[in-house]
Amino acid sequence: AKDGEITPKEVVKILAAKFHLSDEELKEMLPSKRAPMFYNRVAWAKFYLQQAGLVDSKKRGHFSITEEGRKALDSGAEINNKFLSQFATFQEIKNRSKDSGS
């Protein structure tokens, strides 16, 4: 990716190939029918990683890994919500969600 940046669309393509997802699986819609489910999940993962400071978005529609993100990858840890909870900014967003009743 140019300058280490990548778009969510490119991430979807890479992950779809890695997990051998069919076109049918990629077209599966959310129950609301507002967006394809897999694309939505990738967008939420990007949001969570960004809140934890592991990826950064310098311009709309693009993001790149941060130094903290590289450290997380190099650690070999499974990057999930439990792992992300060690980051204060991620905790803040989770707490806001709880406070709003979501």
PDB file of N, CA and C in Angstrom:
ATOM      1  N   ALA A   1       0.838  -1.181   0.000  1.00  0.00           N
ATOM      2  CA  ALA A   1       0.000   0.000   0.000  1.00  0.00           C
ATOM      3  C   ALA A   1       0.885   1.247   0.000  1.00  0.00           C
ATOM      4  N   LYS A   2       0.447   2.246  -0.721  1.00  0.00           N
ATOM      5  CA  LYS A   2       1.206   3.480  -0.829  1.00  0.00           C
ATOM      6  C   LYS A   2       1.352   4.126   0.547  1.00  0.00           C
ATOM      7  N   ASP A   3       2.580   4.471   0.910  1.00  0.00           N
ATOM      8  CA  ASP A   3       2.863   5.113   2.204  1.00  0.00           C
ATOM      9  C   ASP A   3       2.348   4.295   3.381  1.00  0.00           C
ATOM     10  N   GLY A   4       2.207   2.984   3.201  1.00  0.00           N
ATOM     11  CA  GLY A   4       1.727   2.145   4.290  1.00  0.00           C
ATOM     12  C   GLY A   4       0.245   2.291   4.563  1.00  0.00           C
ATOM     13  N   GLU A   5      -0.459   3.021   3.706  1.00  0.00           N
ATOM     14  CA  GLU A   5      -1.895   3.216   3.894  1.00  0.00           C
ATOM     15  C   GLU A   5      -2.670   2.169   3.110  1.00  0.00           C
ATOM     16  N   ILE A   6      -3.857   1.864   3.616  1.00  0.00           N
ATOM     17  CA  ILE A   6      -4.726   0.887   2.970  1.00  0.00           C
ATOM     18  C   ILE A   6      -6.167   1.331   3.190  1.00  0.00           C
ATOM     19  N   THR A   7      -7.031   0.937   2.299  1.00  0.00           N
ATOM     20  CA  THR A   7      -8.447   1.283   2.441  1.00  0.00           C
ATOM     21  C   THR A   7      -9.207   0.087   3.009  1.00  0.00           C
ATOM     22  N   PRO A   8     -10.354   0.341   3.632  1.00  0.00           N
ATOM     23  CA  PRO A   8     -11.169  -0.786   4.110  1.00  0.00           C
ATOM     24  C   PRO A   8     -11.536  -1.756   2.990  1.00  0.00           C
ATOM     25  N   LYS A   9     -11.786  -1.227   1.789  1.00  0.00           N
ATOM     26  CA  LYS A   9     -12.123  -2.087   0.641  1.00  0.00           C
ATOM     27  C   LYS A   9     -10.978  -3.048   0.335  1.00  0.00           C
ATOM     28  N   GLU A  10      -9.733  -2.550   0.403  1.00  0.00           N
ATOM     29  CA  GLU A  10      -8.565  -3.401   0.166  1.00  0.00           C
ATOM     30  C   GLU A  10      -8.429  -4.454   1.262  1.00  0.00           C
ATOM     31  N   VAL A  11      -8.732  -4.068   2.509  1.00  0.00           N
ATOM     32  CA  VAL A  11      -8.667  -5.015   3.628  1.00  0.00           C
ATOM     33  C   VAL A  11      -9.703  -6.116   3.432  1.00  0.00           C
ATOM     34  N   VAL A  12     -10.898  -5.745   3.019  1.00  0.00           N
ATOM     35  CA  VAL A  12     -11.950  -6.743   2.767  1.00  0.00           C
ATOM     36  C   VAL A  12     -11.463  -7.738   1.718  1.00  0.00           C
ATOM     37  N   LYS A  13     -10.866  -7.239   0.655  1.00  0.00           N
ATOM     38  CA  LYS A  13     -10.380  -8.111  -0.427  1.00  0.00           C
ATOM     39  C   LYS A  13      -9.309  -9.078   0.095  1.00  0.00           C
ATOM     40  N   ILE A  14      -8.357  -8.565   0.872  1.00  0.00           N
ATOM     41  CA  ILE A  14      -7.276  -9.395   1.421  1.00  0.00           C
ATOM     42  C   ILE A  14      -7.840 -10.457   2.372  1.00  0.00           C
ATOM     43  N   LEU A  15      -8.724 -10.038   3.272  1.00  0.00           N
ATOM     44  CA  LEU A  15      -9.291 -10.978   4.244  1.00  0.00           C
ATOM     45  C   LEU A  15     -10.199 -12.005   3.572  1.00  0.00           C
ATOM     46  N   ALA A  16     -10.950 -11.582   2.575  1.00  0.00           N
ATOM     47  CA  ALA A  16     -11.824 -12.516   1.854  1.00  0.00           C
ATOM     48  C   ALA A  16     -10.991 -13.618   1.209  1.00  0.00           C
ATOM     49  N   ALA A  17      -9.848 -13.239   0.646  1.00  0.00           N
ATOM     50  CA  ALA A  17      -8.967 -14.237   0.036  1.00  0.00           C
ATOM     51  C   ALA A  17      -8.362 -15.137   1.109  1.00  0.00           C
ATOM     52  N   LYS A  18      -7.911 -14.542   2.210  1.00  0.00           N
ATOM     53  CA  LYS A  18      -7.292 -15.325   3.287  1.00  0.00           C
ATOM     54  C   LYS A  18      -8.255 -16.364   3.861  1.00  0.00           C
ATOM     55  N   PHE A  19      -9.520 -15.965   4.022  1.00  0.00           N
ATOM     56  CA  PHE A  19     -10.512 -16.863   4.620  1.00  0.00           C
ATOM     57  C   PHE A  19     -11.334 -17.614   3.573  1.00  0.00           C
ATOM     58  N   HIS A  20     -10.950 -17.485   2.304  1.00  0.00           N
ATOM     59  CA  HIS A  20     -11.606 -18.202   1.206  1.00  0.00           C
ATOM     60  C   HIS A  20     -13.128 -17.971   1.208  1.00  0.00           C
ATOM     61  N   LEU A  21     -13.519 -16.706   1.337  1.00  0.00           N
ATOM     62  CA  LEU A  21     -14.941 -16.376   1.348  1.00  0.00           C
ATOM     63  C   LEU A  21     -15.482 -16.345  -0.074  1.00  0.00           C
ATOM     64  N   SER A  22     -16.661 -16.886  -0.228  1.00  0.00           N
ATOM     65  CA  SER A  22     -17.308 -16.898  -1.540  1.00  0.00           C
ATOM     66  C   SER A  22     -17.968 -15.539  -1.794  1.00  0.00           C
ATOM     67  N   ASP A  23     -18.329 -15.300  -3.052  1.00  0.00           N
ATOM     68  CA  ASP A  23     -19.055 -14.068  -3.386  1.00  0.00           C
ATOM     69  C   ASP A  23     -20.361 -14.000  -2.609  1.00  0.00           C
ATOM     70  N   GLU A  24     -20.988 -15.153  -2.451  1.00  0.00           N
ATOM     71  CA  GLU A  24     -22.249 -15.211  -1.709  1.00  0.00           C
ATOM     72  C   GLU A  24     -22.038 -14.771  -0.252  1.00  0.00           C
ATOM     73  N   GLU A  25     -20.968 -15.257   0.362  1.00  0.00           N
ATOM     74  CA  GLU A  25     -20.671 -14.871   1.744  1.00  0.00           C
ATOM     75  C   GLU A  25     -20.377 -13.375   1.842  1.00  0.00           C
ATOM     76  N   LEU A  26     -19.672 -12.842   0.857  1.00  0.00           N
ATOM     77  CA  LEU A  26     -19.342 -11.422   0.860  1.00  0.00           C
ATOM     78  C   LEU A  26     -20.568 -10.541   0.623  1.00  0.00           C
ATOM     79  N   LYS A  27     -21.558 -11.082  -0.040  1.00  0.00           N
ATOM     80  CA  LYS A  27     -22.776 -10.316  -0.336  1.00  0.00           C
ATOM     81  C   LYS A  27     -23.821 -10.425   0.767  1.00  0.00           C
ATOM     82  N   GLU A  28     -23.592 -11.317   1.739  1.00  0.00           N
ATOM     83  CA  GLU A  28     -24.570 -11.483   2.827  1.00  0.00           C
ATOM     84  C   GLU A  28     -24.751 -10.153   3.548  1.00  0.00           C
ATOM     85  N   MET A  29     -25.995  -9.753   3.680  1.00  0.00           N
ATOM     86  CA  MET A  29     -26.306  -8.452   4.254  1.00  0.00           C
ATOM     87  C   MET A  29     -26.588  -8.553   5.756  1.00  0.00           C
ATOM     88  N   LEU A  30     -26.402  -7.434   6.424  1.00  0.00           N
ATOM     89  CA  LEU A  30     -26.809  -7.322   7.829  1.00  0.00           C
ATOM     90  C   LEU A  30     -28.324  -7.505   7.890  1.00  0.00           C
ATOM     91  N   PRO A  31     -28.862  -7.880   9.053  1.00  0.00           N
ATOM     92  CA  PRO A  31     -30.324  -7.996   9.159  1.00  0.00           C
ATOM     93  C   PRO A  31     -31.051  -6.711   8.734  1.00  0.00           C
ATOM     94  N   SER A  32     -30.432  -5.557   8.948  1.00  0.00           N
ATOM     95  CA  SER A  32     -31.038  -4.273   8.573  1.00  0.00           C
ATOM     96  C   SER A  32     -31.024  -4.046   7.064  1.00  0.00           C
ATOM     97  N   LYS A  33     -30.251  -4.868   6.341  1.00  0.00           N
ATOM     98  CA  LYS A  33     -30.072  -4.752   4.885  1.00  0.00           C
ATOM     99  C   LYS A  33     -29.354  -3.463   4.483  1.00  0.00           C
ATOM    100  N   ARG A  34     -28.663  -2.822   5.426  1.00  0.00           N
ATOM    101  CA  ARG A  34     -27.996  -1.549   5.145  1.00  0.00           C
ATOM    102  C   ARG A  34     -26.588  -1.713   4.569  1.00  0.00           C
ATOM    103  N   ALA A  35     -25.941  -2.841   4.842  1.00  0.00           N
ATOM    104  CA  ALA A  35     -24.572  -3.038   4.372  1.00  0.00           C
ATOM    105  C   ALA A  35     -24.234  -4.520   4.378  1.00  0.00           C
ATOM    106  N   PRO A  36     -23.265  -4.916   3.551  1.00  0.00           N
ATOM    107  CA  PRO A  36     -22.798  -6.300   3.609  1.00  0.00           C
ATOM    108  C   PRO A  36     -22.168  -6.575   4.982  1.00  0.00           C
ATOM    109  N   MET A  37     -22.487  -7.711   5.552  1.00  0.00           N
ATOM    110  CA  MET A  37     -22.067  -8.047   6.908  1.00  0.00           C
ATOM    111  C   MET A  37     -20.542  -8.053   7.067  1.00  0.00           C
ATOM    112  N   PHE A  38     -19.830  -8.685   6.138  1.00  0.00           N
ATOM    113  CA  PHE A  38     -18.378  -8.795   6.285  1.00  0.00           C
ATOM    114  C   PHE A  38     -17.732  -7.412   6.239  1.00  0.00           C
ATOM    115  N   TYR A  39     -18.145  -6.574   5.308  1.00  0.00           N
ATOM    116  CA  TYR A  39     -17.609  -5.222   5.207  1.00  0.00           C
ATOM    117  C   TYR A  39     -17.887  -4.459   6.507  1.00  0.00           C
ATOM    118  N   ASN A  40     -19.077  -4.630   7.061  1.00  0.00           N
ATOM    119  CA  ASN A  40     -19.436  -3.978   8.320  1.00  0.00           C
ATOM    120  C   ASN A  40     -18.526  -4.439   9.452  1.00  0.00           C
ATOM    121  N   ARG A  41     -18.228  -5.725   9.496  1.00  0.00           N
ATOM    122  CA  ARG A  41     -17.347  -6.259  10.557  1.00  0.00           C
ATOM    123  C   ARG A  41     -15.932  -5.721  10.418  1.00  0.00           C
ATOM    124  N   VAL A  42     -15.457  -5.591   9.178  1.00  0.00           N
ATOM    125  CA  VAL A  42     -14.132  -5.019   8.947  1.00  0.00           C
ATOM    126  C   VAL A  42     -14.123  -3.557   9.398  1.00  0.00           C
ATOM    127  N   ALA A  43     -15.179  -2.833   9.104  1.00  0.00           N
ATOM    128  CA  ALA A  43     -15.264  -1.422   9.511  1.00  0.00           C
ATOM    129  C   ALA A  43     -15.248  -1.294  11.035  1.00  0.00           C
ATOM    130  N   TRP A  44     -15.969  -2.171  11.733  1.00  0.00           N
ATOM    131  CA  TRP A  44     -15.964  -2.131  13.204  1.00  0.00           C
ATOM    132  C   TRP A  44     -14.591  -2.488  13.753  1.00  0.00           C
ATOM    133  N   ALA A  45     -13.924  -3.472  13.153  1.00  0.00           N
ATOM    134  CA  ALA A  45     -12.576  -3.841  13.603  1.00  0.00           C
ATOM    135  C   ALA A  45     -11.625  -2.661  13.434  1.00  0.00           C
ATOM    136  N   LYS A  46     -11.705  -1.984  12.295  1.00  0.00           N
ATOM    137  CA  LYS A  46     -10.873  -0.796  12.065  1.00  0.00           C
ATOM    138  C   LYS A  46     -11.169   0.265  13.113  1.00  0.00           C
ATOM    139  N   PHE A  47     -12.440   0.479  13.403  1.00  0.00           N
ATOM    140  CA  PHE A  47     -12.838   1.468  14.409  1.00  0.00           C
ATOM    141  C   PHE A  47     -12.236   1.122  15.772  1.00  0.00           C
ATOM    142  N   TYR A  48     -12.361  -0.131  16.190  1.00  0.00           N
ATOM    143  CA  TYR A  48     -11.811  -0.552  17.482  1.00  0.00           C
ATOM    144  C   TYR A  48     -10.291  -0.412  17.510  1.00  0.00           C
ATOM    145  N   LEU A  49      -9.618  -0.835  16.438  1.00  0.00           N
ATOM    146  CA  LEU A  49      -8.162  -0.716  16.374  1.00  0.00           C
ATOM    147  C   LEU A  49      -7.735   0.750  16.406  1.00  0.00           C
ATOM    148  N   GLN A  50      -8.514   1.594  15.757  1.00  0.00           N
ATOM    149  CA  GLN A  50      -8.208   3.020  15.757  1.00  0.00           C
ATOM    150  C   GLN A  50      -8.407   3.610  17.153  1.00  0.00           C
ATOM    151  N   GLN A  51      -9.472   3.204  17.843  1.00  0.00           N
ATOM    152  CA  GLN A  51      -9.714   3.706  19.190  1.00  0.00           C
ATOM    153  C   GLN A  51      -8.602   3.297  20.147  1.00  0.00           C
ATOM    154  N   ALA A  52      -8.017   2.140  19.921  1.00  0.00           N
ATOM    155  CA  ALA A  52      -6.917   1.664  20.770  1.00  0.00           C
ATOM    156  C   ALA A  52      -5.581   2.281  20.364  1.00  0.00           C
ATOM    157  N   GLY A  53      -5.561   2.996  19.240  1.00  0.00           N
ATOM    158  CA  GLY A  53      -4.326   3.620  18.787  1.00  0.00           C
ATOM    159  C   GLY A  53      -3.423   2.697  17.992  1.00  0.00           C
ATOM    160  N   LEU A  54      -3.949   1.569  17.528  1.00  0.00           N
ATOM    161  CA  LEU A  54      -3.135   0.608  16.785  1.00  0.00           C
ATOM    162  C   LEU A  54      -3.114   0.901  15.291  1.00  0.00           C
ATOM    163  N   VAL A  55      -4.115   1.619  14.808  1.00  0.00           N
ATOM    164  CA  VAL A  55      -4.106   2.123  13.440  1.00  0.00           C
ATOM    165  C   VAL A  55      -4.474   3.596  13.493  1.00  0.00           C
ATOM    166  N   ASP A  56      -4.091   4.308  12.453  1.00  0.00           N
ATOM    167  CA  ASP A  56      -4.331   5.741  12.384  1.00  0.00           C
ATOM    168  C   ASP A  56      -4.928   6.072  11.025  1.00  0.00           C
ATOM    169  N   SER A  57      -5.765   7.068  10.991  1.00  0.00           N
ATOM    170  CA  SER A  57      -6.372   7.495   9.742  1.00  0.00           C
ATOM    171  C   SER A  57      -6.002   8.950   9.497  1.00  0.00           C
ATOM    172  N   LYS A  58      -5.061   9.154   8.596  1.00  0.00           N
ATOM    173  CA  LYS A  58      -4.606  10.516   8.302  1.00  0.00           C
ATOM    174  C   LYS A  58      -5.498  11.195   7.263  1.00  0.00           C
ATOM    175  N   LYS A  59      -6.153  10.395   6.434  1.00  0.00           N
ATOM    176  CA  LYS A  59      -7.096  10.964   5.476  1.00  0.00           C
ATOM    177  C   LYS A  59      -8.287  10.030   5.346  1.00  0.00           C
ATOM    178  N   ARG A  60      -9.414  10.607   5.030  1.00  0.00           N
ATOM    179  CA  ARG A  60     -10.667   9.856   4.957  1.00  0.00           C
ATOM    180  C   ARG A  60     -10.545   8.650   4.034  1.00  0.00           C
ATOM    181  N   GLY A  61     -10.999   7.512   4.543  1.00  0.00           N
ATOM    182  CA  GLY A  61     -11.027   6.305   3.736  1.00  0.00           C
ATOM    183  C   GLY A  61      -9.719   5.539   3.657  1.00  0.00           C
ATOM    184  N   HIS A  62      -8.712   5.961   4.407  1.00  0.00           N
ATOM    185  CA  HIS A  62      -7.417   5.291   4.421  1.00  0.00           C
ATOM    186  C   HIS A  62      -6.938   5.159   5.857  1.00  0.00           C
ATOM    187  N   PHE A  63      -6.201   4.115   6.123  1.00  0.00           N
ATOM    188  CA  PHE A  63      -5.596   3.994   7.443  1.00  0.00           C
ATOM    189  C   PHE A  63      -4.294   3.229   7.333  1.00  0.00           C
ATOM    190  N   SER A  64      -3.501   3.354   8.395  1.00  0.00           N
ATOM    191  CA  SER A  64      -2.208   2.673   8.427  1.00  0.00           C
ATOM    192  C   SER A  64      -1.914   2.249   9.863  1.00  0.00           C
ATOM    193  N   ILE A  65      -1.011   1.304   9.992  1.00  0.00           N
ATOM    194  CA  ILE A  65      -0.648   0.793  11.307  1.00  0.00           C
ATOM    195  C   ILE A  65       0.254   1.816  12.009  1.00  0.00           C
ATOM    196  N   THR A  66       0.096   1.931  13.313  1.00  0.00           N
ATOM    197  CA  THR A  66       0.932   2.822  14.112  1.00  0.00           C
ATOM    198  C   THR A  66       2.087   2.031  14.712  1.00  0.00           C
ATOM    199  N   GLU A  67       2.998   2.736  15.340  1.00  0.00           N
ATOM    200  CA  GLU A  67       4.105   2.061  16.025  1.00  0.00           C
ATOM    201  C   GLU A  67       3.553   1.122  17.102  1.00  0.00           C
ATOM    202  N   GLU A  68       2.531   1.595  17.825  1.00  0.00           N
ATOM    203  CA  GLU A  68       1.899   0.754  18.854  1.00  0.00           C
ATOM    204  C   GLU A  68       1.264  -0.487  18.223  1.00  0.00           C
ATOM    205  N   GLY A  69       0.689  -0.319  17.033  1.00  0.00           N
ATOM    206  CA  GLY A  69       0.105  -1.445  16.312  1.00  0.00           C
ATOM    207  C   GLY A  69       1.160  -2.465  15.904  1.00  0.00           C
ATOM    208  N   ARG A  70       2.303  -1.974  15.473  1.00  0.00           N
ATOM    209  CA  ARG A  70       3.407  -2.886  15.110  1.00  0.00           C
ATOM    210  C   ARG A  70       3.882  -3.672  16.331  1.00  0.00           C
ATOM    211  N   LYS A  71       3.965  -2.990  17.477  1.00  0.00           N
ATOM    212  CA  LYS A  71       4.364  -3.675  18.717  1.00  0.00           C
ATOM    213  C   LYS A  71       3.357  -4.767  19.064  1.00  0.00           C
ATOM    214  N   ALA A  72       2.073  -4.463  18.898  1.00  0.00           N
ATOM    215  CA  ALA A  72       1.028  -5.453  19.194  1.00  0.00           C
ATOM    216  C   ALA A  72       1.178  -6.667  18.286  1.00  0.00           C
ATOM    217  N   LEU A  73       1.410  -6.441  17.000  1.00  0.00           N
ATOM    218  CA  LEU A  73       1.607  -7.561  16.070  1.00  0.00           C
ATOM    219  C   LEU A  73       2.846  -8.365  16.425  1.00  0.00           C
ATOM    220  N   ASP A  74       3.936  -7.653  16.724  1.00  0.00           N
ATOM    221  CA  ASP A  74       5.191  -8.323  17.061  1.00  0.00           C
ATOM    222  C   ASP A  74       5.097  -9.127  18.351  1.00  0.00           C
ATOM    223  N   SER A  75       4.170  -8.753  19.235  1.00  0.00           N
ATOM    224  CA  SER A  75       4.023  -9.450  20.516  1.00  0.00           C
ATOM    225  C   SER A  75       3.470 -10.862  20.324  1.00  0.00           C
ATOM    226  N   GLY A  76       2.793 -11.073  19.196  1.00  0.00           N
ATOM    227  CA  GLY A  76       2.197 -12.380  18.946  1.00  0.00           C
ATOM    228  C   GLY A  76       0.889 -12.597  19.695  1.00  0.00           C
ATOM    229  N   ALA A  77       0.444 -11.582  20.413  1.00  0.00           N
ATOM    230  CA  ALA A  77      -0.805 -11.696  21.177  1.00  0.00           C
ATOM    231  C   ALA A  77      -2.003 -11.757  20.223  1.00  0.00           C
ATOM    232  N   GLU A  78      -3.055 -12.417  20.671  1.00  0.00           N
ATOM    233  CA  GLU A  78      -4.303 -12.417  19.914  1.00  0.00           C
ATOM    234  C   GLU A  78      -4.945 -11.048  20.118  1.00  0.00           C
ATOM    235  N   ILE A  79      -5.187 -10.346  19.040  1.00  0.00           N
ATOM    236  CA  ILE A  79      -5.742  -9.002  19.137  1.00  0.00           C
ATOM    237  C   ILE A  79      -7.258  -9.107  19.084  1.00  0.00           C
ATOM    238  N   ASN A  80      -7.853  -9.030  20.263  1.00  0.00           N
ATOM    239  CA  ASN A  80      -9.296  -9.120  20.421  1.00  0.00           C
ATOM    240  C   ASN A  80      -9.730  -8.033  21.411  1.00  0.00           C
ATOM    241  N   ASN A  81     -11.002  -8.011  21.769  1.00  0.00           N
ATOM    242  CA  ASN A  81     -11.489  -6.968  22.680  1.00  0.00           C
ATOM    243  C   ASN A  81     -10.768  -7.003  24.025  1.00  0.00           C
ATOM    244  N   LYS A  82     -10.453  -8.181  24.517  1.00  0.00           N
ATOM    245  CA  LYS A  82      -9.738  -8.284  25.789  1.00  0.00           C
ATOM    246  C   LYS A  82      -8.362  -7.614  25.670  1.00  0.00           C
ATOM    247  N   PHE A  83      -7.650  -7.897  24.590  1.00  0.00           N
ATOM    248  CA  PHE A  83      -6.344  -7.279  24.359  1.00  0.00           C
ATOM    249  C   PHE A  83      -6.487  -5.766  24.230  1.00  0.00           C
ATOM    250  N   LEU A  84      -7.477  -5.315  23.451  1.00  0.00           N
ATOM    251  CA  LEU A  84      -7.666  -3.881  23.228  1.00  0.00           C
ATOM    252  C   LEU A  84      -8.051  -3.138  24.499  1.00  0.00           C
ATOM    253  N   SER A  85      -8.613  -3.853  25.476  1.00  0.00           N
ATOM    254  CA  SER A  85      -9.048  -3.228  26.728  1.00  0.00           C
ATOM    255  C   SER A  85      -7.906  -2.653  27.552  1.00  0.00           C
ATOM    256  N   GLN A  86      -6.672  -3.004  27.220  1.00  0.00           N
ATOM    257  CA  GLN A  86      -5.538  -2.434  27.955  1.00  0.00           C
ATOM    258  C   GLN A  86      -5.285  -0.982  27.564  1.00  0.00           C
ATOM    259  N   PHE A  87      -5.910  -0.524  26.477  1.00  0.00           N
ATOM    260  CA  PHE A  87      -5.711   0.839  25.994  1.00  0.00           C
ATOM    261  C   PHE A  87      -6.836   1.739  26.501  1.00  0.00           C
ATOM    262  N   ALA A  88      -6.458   2.821  27.177  1.00  0.00           N
ATOM    263  CA  ALA A  88      -7.430   3.724  27.800  1.00  0.00           C
ATOM    264  C   ALA A  88      -8.430   4.266  26.788  1.00  0.00           C
ATOM    265  N   THR A  89      -7.977   4.617  25.597  1.00  0.00           N
ATOM    266  CA  THR A  89      -8.891   5.186  24.607  1.00  0.00           C
ATOM    267  C   THR A  89      -9.933   4.172  24.161  1.00  0.00           C
ATOM    268  N   PHE A  90      -9.560   2.901  24.116  1.00  0.00           N
ATOM    269  CA  PHE A  90     -10.522   1.855  23.774  1.00  0.00           C
ATOM    270  C   PHE A  90     -11.526   1.685  24.910  1.00  0.00           C
ATOM    271  N   GLN A  91     -11.044   1.706  26.146  1.00  0.00           N
ATOM    272  CA  GLN A  91     -11.937   1.595  27.302  1.00  0.00           C
ATOM    273  C   GLN A  91     -12.955   2.724  27.310  1.00  0.00           C
ATOM    274  N   GLU A  92     -12.511   3.925  26.957  1.00  0.00           N
ATOM    275  CA  GLU A  92     -13.414   5.072  26.931  1.00  0.00           C
ATOM    276  C   GLU A  92     -14.567   4.845  25.969  1.00  0.00           C
ATOM    277  N   ILE A  93     -14.282   4.346  24.784  1.00  0.00           N
ATOM    278  CA  ILE A  93     -15.339   4.139  23.796  1.00  0.00           C
ATOM    279  C   ILE A  93     -16.285   3.034  24.256  1.00  0.00           C
ATOM    280  N   LYS A  94     -15.748   1.988  24.869  1.00  0.00           N
ATOM    281  CA  LYS A  94     -16.604   0.915  25.377  1.00  0.00           C
ATOM    282  C   LYS A  94     -17.493   1.434  26.514  1.00  0.00           C
ATOM    283  N   ASN A  95     -16.925   2.267  27.379  1.00  0.00           N
ATOM    284  CA  ASN A  95     -17.695   2.824  28.486  1.00  0.00           C
ATOM    285  C   ASN A  95     -18.785   3.771  27.981  1.00  0.00           C
ATOM    286  N   ARG A  96     -18.482   4.541  26.950  1.00  0.00           N
ATOM    287  CA  ARG A  96     -19.501   5.423  26.359  1.00  0.00           C
ATOM    288  C   ARG A  96     -20.647   4.606  25.810  1.00  0.00           C
ATOM    289  N   SER A  97     -20.337   3.468  25.178  1.00  0.00           N
ATOM    290  CA  SER A  97     -21.384   2.601  24.627  1.00  0.00           C
ATOM    291  C   SER A  97     -22.274   2.066  25.743  1.00  0.00           C
ATOM    292  N   LYS A  98     -21.667   1.666  26.858  1.00  0.00           N
ATOM    293  CA  LYS A  98     -22.441   1.159  27.992  1.00  0.00           C
ATOM    294  C   LYS A  98     -23.322   2.254  28.579  1.00  0.00           C
ATOM    295  N   ASP A  99     -22.772   3.471  28.699  1.00  0.00           N
ATOM    296  CA  ASP A  99     -23.501   4.586  29.283  1.00  0.00           C
ATOM    297  C   ASP A  99     -24.699   4.991  28.435  1.00  0.00           C
ATOM    298  N   SER A 100     -24.583   4.818  27.109  1.00  0.00           N
ATOM    299  CA  SER A 100     -25.682   5.215  26.214  1.00  0.00           C
ATOM    300  C   SER A 100     -26.727   4.110  26.079  1.00  0.00           C
ATOM    301  N   GLY A 101     -26.468   2.958  26.721  1.00  0.00           N
ATOM    302  CA  GLY A 101     -27.434   1.856  26.691  1.00  0.00           C
ATOM    303  C   GLY A 101     -27.295   0.955  25.504  1.00  0.00           C
ATOM    304  N   SER A 102     -26.225   1.083  24.717  1.00  0.00           N
ATOM    305  CA  SER A 102     -26.013   0.218  23.549  1.00  0.00           C
ATOM    306  C   SER A 102     -25.394  -1.080  23.944  1.00  0.00           C
TER     307      SER A 102
END
